[in-house]
Amino acid sequence: MECRELLEGVCSRLVYCSRDMVVVETLVKKGARVPRHSHEGVQATFVIRGRLLLGVEGRGAEELGPGSYRVIPPGVPHWAEALEDSLVVDVNAPATPDRLELARRLGAGCG
């Protein structure tokens, strides 16, 4: 997977981007953290392989493994930490300004 490191140990690539949806595939190295943040749109996070600790405000933190997913409502803060090397797919809808900026950082324009 050719990707761009956006945070230490977090390397992403754009899979799909339109006005309706942004799909990003991310390799997260064991111990790497994605800090607390939120999005204007809904996010669905799917763990393809590995194990991820996903914290969602109001729900606490839970461990997700291969085949697991969680849907995070708009505006709800969340964070993640890789418990082992992990491959994660995030689907965000609609393509909000923060996700369009991510697509730009990953080398693609869309929308």
N, C-alpha and C. Protein backbone atom coordinates (compact mmCIF):
# COMPACT_ATOMS: atom_id res chain seq x y z
N MET A 1 0.84 -1.18 0.00
CA MET A 1 0.00 0.00 0.00
C MET A 1 0.88 1.23 0.00
N GLU A 2 0.79 2.05 -1.03
CA GLU A 2 1.51 3.32 -1.06
C GLU A 2 0.69 4.34 -0.29
N CYS A 3 1.31 4.95 0.71
CA CYS A 3 0.56 5.85 1.58
C CYS A 3 1.44 7.02 2.00
N ARG A 4 0.82 7.95 2.70
CA ARG A 4 1.54 9.11 3.24
C ARG A 4 1.40 9.11 4.75
N GLU A 5 2.53 9.30 5.42
CA GLU A 5 2.52 9.34 6.88
C GLU A 5 2.04 10.72 7.32
N LEU A 6 0.88 10.75 7.97
CA LEU A 6 0.29 12.00 8.43
C LEU A 6 0.59 12.24 9.90
N LEU A 7 0.74 11.18 10.66
CA LEU A 7 1.15 11.20 12.05
C LEU A 7 2.20 10.12 12.22
N GLU A 8 2.98 10.20 13.25
CA GLU A 8 3.99 9.17 13.47
C GLU A 8 3.33 7.81 13.61
N GLY A 9 3.72 6.87 12.74
CA GLY A 9 3.18 5.52 12.78
C GLY A 9 1.82 5.36 12.14
N VAL A 10 1.32 6.42 11.49
CA VAL A 10 0.00 6.40 10.87
C VAL A 10 0.15 6.80 9.41
N CYS A 11 -0.07 5.85 8.50
CA CYS A 11 0.16 6.07 7.08
C CYS A 11 -1.14 5.79 6.31
N SER A 12 -1.62 6.80 5.57
CA SER A 12 -2.93 6.70 4.92
C SER A 12 -2.84 6.87 3.41
N ARG A 13 -3.85 6.30 2.75
CA ARG A 13 -4.02 6.53 1.31
C ARG A 13 -5.50 6.71 1.02
N LEU A 14 -5.77 7.57 0.05
CA LEU A 14 -7.14 7.83 -0.36
C LEU A 14 -7.61 6.71 -1.28
N VAL A 15 -8.75 6.12 -0.97
CA VAL A 15 -9.33 5.05 -1.77
C VAL A 15 -10.40 5.61 -2.70
N TYR A 16 -11.22 6.52 -2.16
CA TYR A 16 -12.33 7.09 -2.94
C TYR A 16 -12.68 8.46 -2.38
N CYS A 17 -13.06 9.37 -3.27
CA CYS A 17 -13.44 10.69 -2.82
C CYS A 17 -14.45 11.30 -3.78
N SER A 18 -15.56 11.79 -3.25
CA SER A 18 -16.57 12.53 -4.00
C SER A 18 -17.21 13.52 -3.03
N ARG A 19 -18.17 14.25 -3.49
CA ARG A 19 -18.89 15.17 -2.60
C ARG A 19 -19.66 14.41 -1.53
N ASP A 20 -20.00 13.17 -1.82
CA ASP A 20 -20.83 12.39 -0.92
C ASP A 20 -20.06 11.57 0.11
N MET A 21 -18.81 11.21 -0.22
CA MET A 21 -18.11 10.27 0.64
C MET A 21 -16.60 10.34 0.43
N VAL A 22 -15.86 10.12 1.53
CA VAL A 22 -14.41 10.00 1.47
C VAL A 22 -14.05 8.67 2.15
N VAL A 23 -13.27 7.84 1.44
CA VAL A 23 -12.84 6.55 1.99
C VAL A 23 -11.32 6.56 2.05
N VAL A 24 -10.79 6.29 3.24
CA VAL A 24 -9.35 6.31 3.47
C VAL A 24 -8.93 4.99 4.11
N GLU A 25 -7.86 4.41 3.59
CA GLU A 25 -7.27 3.20 4.15
C GLU A 25 -6.02 3.61 4.91
N THR A 26 -5.88 3.12 6.13
CA THR A 26 -4.77 3.56 6.99
C THR A 26 -4.07 2.38 7.64
N LEU A 27 -2.75 2.39 7.55
CA LEU A 27 -1.91 1.46 8.32
C LEU A 27 -1.52 2.17 9.60
N VAL A 28 -1.78 1.53 10.73
CA VAL A 28 -1.45 2.11 12.02
C VAL A 28 -0.49 1.15 12.72
N LYS A 29 0.72 1.61 12.96
CA LYS A 29 1.74 0.77 13.61
C LYS A 29 1.40 0.57 15.09
N LYS A 30 1.77 -0.58 15.63
CA LYS A 30 1.54 -0.88 17.04
C LYS A 30 2.04 0.28 17.90
N GLY A 31 1.18 0.74 18.81
CA GLY A 31 1.53 1.82 19.72
C GLY A 31 1.23 3.22 19.19
N ALA A 32 0.99 3.34 17.89
CA ALA A 32 0.68 4.67 17.32
C ALA A 32 -0.70 5.11 17.78
N ARG A 33 -0.84 6.41 17.95
CA ARG A 33 -2.11 6.98 18.41
C ARG A 33 -2.63 8.02 17.43
N VAL A 34 -3.92 8.02 17.27
CA VAL A 34 -4.61 9.10 16.56
C VAL A 34 -5.28 9.91 17.66
N PRO A 35 -4.88 11.18 17.81
CA PRO A 35 -5.40 11.97 18.94
C PRO A 35 -6.90 12.25 18.84
N ARG A 36 -7.45 12.64 19.96
CA ARG A 36 -8.88 12.98 20.06
C ARG A 36 -9.22 14.04 19.01
N HIS A 37 -10.29 13.79 18.27
CA HIS A 37 -10.76 14.72 17.24
C HIS A 37 -12.21 14.38 16.91
N SER A 38 -12.84 15.18 16.06
CA SER A 38 -14.19 14.90 15.62
C SER A 38 -14.34 15.36 14.18
N HIS A 39 -15.44 14.96 13.55
CA HIS A 39 -15.73 15.32 12.17
C HIS A 39 -17.15 15.88 12.09
N GLU A 40 -17.39 16.69 11.08
CA GLU A 40 -18.72 17.27 10.89
C GLU A 40 -19.72 16.23 10.38
N GLY A 41 -19.24 15.21 9.68
CA GLY A 41 -20.11 14.16 9.15
C GLY A 41 -19.96 12.87 9.93
N VAL A 42 -20.70 11.87 9.52
CA VAL A 42 -20.63 10.56 10.16
C VAL A 42 -19.36 9.83 9.69
N GLN A 43 -18.79 9.02 10.58
CA GLN A 43 -17.63 8.19 10.21
C GLN A 43 -17.91 6.75 10.59
N ALA A 44 -17.64 5.85 9.66
CA ALA A 44 -17.67 4.42 9.95
C ALA A 44 -16.23 3.92 9.88
N THR A 45 -15.76 3.30 10.95
CA THR A 45 -14.39 2.78 11.03
C THR A 45 -14.45 1.26 11.02
N PHE A 46 -13.73 0.66 10.06
CA PHE A 46 -13.70 -0.79 9.89
C PHE A 46 -12.28 -1.28 10.13
N VAL A 47 -12.10 -2.28 10.98
CA VAL A 47 -10.78 -2.88 11.19
C VAL A 47 -10.68 -4.08 10.25
N ILE A 48 -9.70 -4.03 9.37
CA ILE A 48 -9.48 -5.10 8.40
C ILE A 48 -8.57 -6.17 9.00
N ARG A 49 -7.48 -5.72 9.62
CA ARG A 49 -6.59 -6.64 10.33
C ARG A 49 -5.95 -5.90 11.49
N GLY A 50 -5.50 -6.66 12.47
CA GLY A 50 -4.89 -6.08 13.65
C GLY A 50 -5.92 -5.85 14.75
N ARG A 51 -5.50 -5.08 15.75
CA ARG A 51 -6.37 -4.75 16.89
C ARG A 51 -6.20 -3.27 17.19
N LEU A 52 -7.31 -2.62 17.42
CA LEU A 52 -7.35 -1.18 17.63
C LEU A 52 -8.17 -0.89 18.87
N LEU A 53 -7.69 0.01 19.70
CA LEU A 53 -8.47 0.51 20.82
C LEU A 53 -9.10 1.80 20.32
N LEU A 54 -10.43 1.83 20.25
CA LEU A 54 -11.15 2.99 19.75
C LEU A 54 -11.94 3.61 20.90
N GLY A 55 -11.66 4.87 21.18
CA GLY A 55 -12.39 5.59 22.21
C GLY A 55 -13.37 6.55 21.55
N VAL A 56 -14.62 6.50 22.01
CA VAL A 56 -15.66 7.38 21.50
C VAL A 56 -16.31 8.05 22.71
N GLU A 57 -16.31 9.39 22.70
CA GLU A 57 -16.88 10.12 23.83
C GLU A 57 -18.31 9.65 24.09
N GLY A 58 -18.59 9.38 25.38
CA GLY A 58 -19.91 8.91 25.76
C GLY A 58 -20.07 7.40 25.69
N ARG A 59 -19.12 6.72 25.05
CA ARG A 59 -19.18 5.25 24.94
C ARG A 59 -17.97 4.59 25.58
N GLY A 60 -16.95 5.35 25.91
CA GLY A 60 -15.73 4.78 26.44
C GLY A 60 -14.86 4.21 25.34
N ALA A 61 -13.90 3.38 25.72
CA ALA A 61 -12.97 2.77 24.76
C ALA A 61 -13.27 1.28 24.65
N GLU A 62 -13.12 0.77 23.44
CA GLU A 62 -13.30 -0.67 23.25
C GLU A 62 -12.31 -1.19 22.23
N GLU A 63 -11.98 -2.45 22.38
CA GLU A 63 -11.04 -3.09 21.46
C GLU A 63 -11.80 -3.62 20.25
N LEU A 64 -11.27 -3.30 19.08
CA LEU A 64 -11.85 -3.80 17.83
C LEU A 64 -10.82 -4.67 17.13
N GLY A 65 -11.26 -5.77 16.55
CA GLY A 65 -10.39 -6.66 15.81
C GLY A 65 -10.89 -6.84 14.39
N PRO A 66 -10.28 -7.73 13.64
CA PRO A 66 -10.65 -7.94 12.24
C PRO A 66 -12.16 -8.19 12.08
N GLY A 67 -12.75 -7.45 11.16
CA GLY A 67 -14.18 -7.58 10.90
C GLY A 67 -15.05 -6.69 11.77
N SER A 68 -14.46 -6.03 12.75
CA SER A 68 -15.23 -5.15 13.63
C SER A 68 -15.36 -3.76 13.02
N TYR A 69 -16.42 -3.08 13.37
CA TYR A 69 -16.59 -1.71 12.92
C TYR A 69 -17.41 -0.93 13.95
N ARG A 70 -17.29 0.38 13.90
CA ARG A 70 -18.10 1.26 14.72
C ARG A 70 -18.48 2.47 13.88
N VAL A 71 -19.69 2.96 14.11
CA VAL A 71 -20.16 4.17 13.45
C VAL A 71 -20.14 5.28 14.48
N ILE A 72 -19.48 6.38 14.10
CA ILE A 72 -19.32 7.52 15.01
C ILE A 72 -20.17 8.67 14.47
N PRO A 73 -21.13 9.13 15.26
CA PRO A 73 -22.00 10.21 14.80
C PRO A 73 -21.24 11.52 14.57
N PRO A 74 -21.81 12.41 13.77
CA PRO A 74 -21.19 13.71 13.52
C PRO A 74 -20.92 14.47 14.82
N GLY A 75 -19.74 15.09 14.89
CA GLY A 75 -19.40 15.94 16.02
C GLY A 75 -18.97 15.23 17.28
N VAL A 76 -18.96 13.91 17.30
CA VAL A 76 -18.60 13.16 18.51
C VAL A 76 -17.09 12.93 18.54
N PRO A 77 -16.40 13.44 19.58
CA PRO A 77 -14.95 13.23 19.67
C PRO A 77 -14.61 11.74 19.81
N HIS A 78 -13.49 11.37 19.18
CA HIS A 78 -13.02 9.99 19.23
C HIS A 78 -11.50 9.97 19.05
N TRP A 79 -10.88 8.85 19.40
CA TRP A 79 -9.43 8.67 19.29
C TRP A 79 -9.16 7.19 19.09
N ALA A 80 -7.92 6.87 18.73
CA ALA A 80 -7.58 5.46 18.53
C ALA A 80 -6.12 5.21 18.89
N GLU A 81 -5.85 3.97 19.27
CA GLU A 81 -4.49 3.50 19.51
C GLU A 81 -4.38 2.08 18.97
N ALA A 82 -3.33 1.81 18.22
CA ALA A 82 -3.12 0.47 17.67
C ALA A 82 -2.50 -0.44 18.73
N LEU A 83 -3.16 -1.54 19.02
CA LEU A 83 -2.64 -2.52 19.97
C LEU A 83 -1.67 -3.47 19.28
N GLU A 84 -1.76 -3.53 17.96
CA GLU A 84 -0.80 -4.24 17.11
C GLU A 84 -0.88 -3.57 15.74
N ASP A 85 0.06 -3.89 14.86
CA ASP A 85 -0.01 -3.31 13.52
C ASP A 85 -1.40 -3.59 12.95
N SER A 86 -2.06 -2.53 12.44
CA SER A 86 -3.46 -2.65 12.03
C SER A 86 -3.70 -1.97 10.70
N LEU A 87 -4.67 -2.49 9.97
CA LEU A 87 -5.16 -1.89 8.75
C LEU A 87 -6.62 -1.51 8.99
N VAL A 88 -6.92 -0.22 8.80
CA VAL A 88 -8.23 0.32 9.11
C VAL A 88 -8.76 1.07 7.89
N VAL A 89 -10.06 0.98 7.66
CA VAL A 89 -10.72 1.76 6.61
C VAL A 89 -11.74 2.66 7.28
N ASP A 90 -11.63 3.97 6.99
CA ASP A 90 -12.60 4.95 7.49
C ASP A 90 -13.42 5.45 6.31
N VAL A 91 -14.73 5.47 6.51
CA VAL A 91 -15.66 6.00 5.52
C VAL A 91 -16.35 7.19 6.16
N ASN A 92 -16.18 8.37 5.56
CA ASN A 92 -16.80 9.59 6.07
C ASN A 92 -17.81 10.11 5.07
N ALA A 93 -19.00 10.47 5.56
CA ALA A 93 -20.03 11.01 4.69
C ALA A 93 -20.80 12.10 5.43
N PRO A 94 -21.11 13.18 4.74
CA PRO A 94 -20.64 13.55 3.40
C PRO A 94 -19.19 14.00 3.46
N ALA A 95 -18.66 14.44 2.34
CA ALA A 95 -17.27 14.92 2.27
C ALA A 95 -17.22 16.33 2.84
N THR A 96 -16.96 16.43 4.12
CA THR A 96 -16.91 17.72 4.81
C THR A 96 -15.56 18.39 4.56
N PRO A 97 -15.45 19.68 4.86
CA PRO A 97 -14.19 20.39 4.59
C PRO A 97 -12.96 19.72 5.19
N ASP A 98 -13.05 19.16 6.40
CA ASP A 98 -11.88 18.51 6.99
C ASP A 98 -11.48 17.26 6.21
N ARG A 99 -12.44 16.52 5.70
CA ARG A 99 -12.13 15.32 4.92
C ARG A 99 -11.61 15.68 3.53
N LEU A 100 -12.10 16.77 2.95
CA LEU A 100 -11.58 17.23 1.66
C LEU A 100 -10.14 17.71 1.83
N GLU A 101 -9.83 18.33 2.97
CA GLU A 101 -8.46 18.74 3.25
C GLU A 101 -7.57 17.51 3.41
N LEU A 102 -8.07 16.47 4.06
CA LEU A 102 -7.31 15.22 4.17
C LEU A 102 -7.02 14.65 2.78
N ALA A 103 -8.02 14.64 1.92
CA ALA A 103 -7.82 14.14 0.55
C ALA A 103 -6.73 14.95 -0.15
N ARG A 104 -6.75 16.26 0.03
CA ARG A 104 -5.72 17.11 -0.57
C ARG A 104 -4.34 16.75 -0.02
N ARG A 105 -4.24 16.54 1.29
CA ARG A 105 -2.96 16.16 1.91
C ARG A 105 -2.48 14.80 1.41
N LEU A 106 -3.43 13.96 1.01
CA LEU A 106 -3.07 12.64 0.49
C LEU A 106 -2.82 12.67 -1.01
N GLY A 107 -2.89 13.87 -1.59
CA GLY A 107 -2.49 14.04 -2.98
C GLY A 107 -3.59 14.00 -4.00
N ALA A 108 -4.86 14.16 -3.57
CA ALA A 108 -5.96 14.10 -4.54
C ALA A 108 -6.97 15.21 -4.25
N GLY A 109 -7.47 15.78 -5.29
CA GLY A 109 -8.57 16.71 -5.16
C GLY A 109 -9.86 15.96 -5.44
N CYS A 110 -10.93 16.36 -4.81
CA CYS A 110 -12.21 15.74 -5.11
C CYS A 110 -13.31 16.69 -4.73
N GLY A 111 -14.53 16.27 -5.00
CA GLY A 111 -15.67 17.09 -4.63
C GLY A 111 -16.20 17.75 -5.78
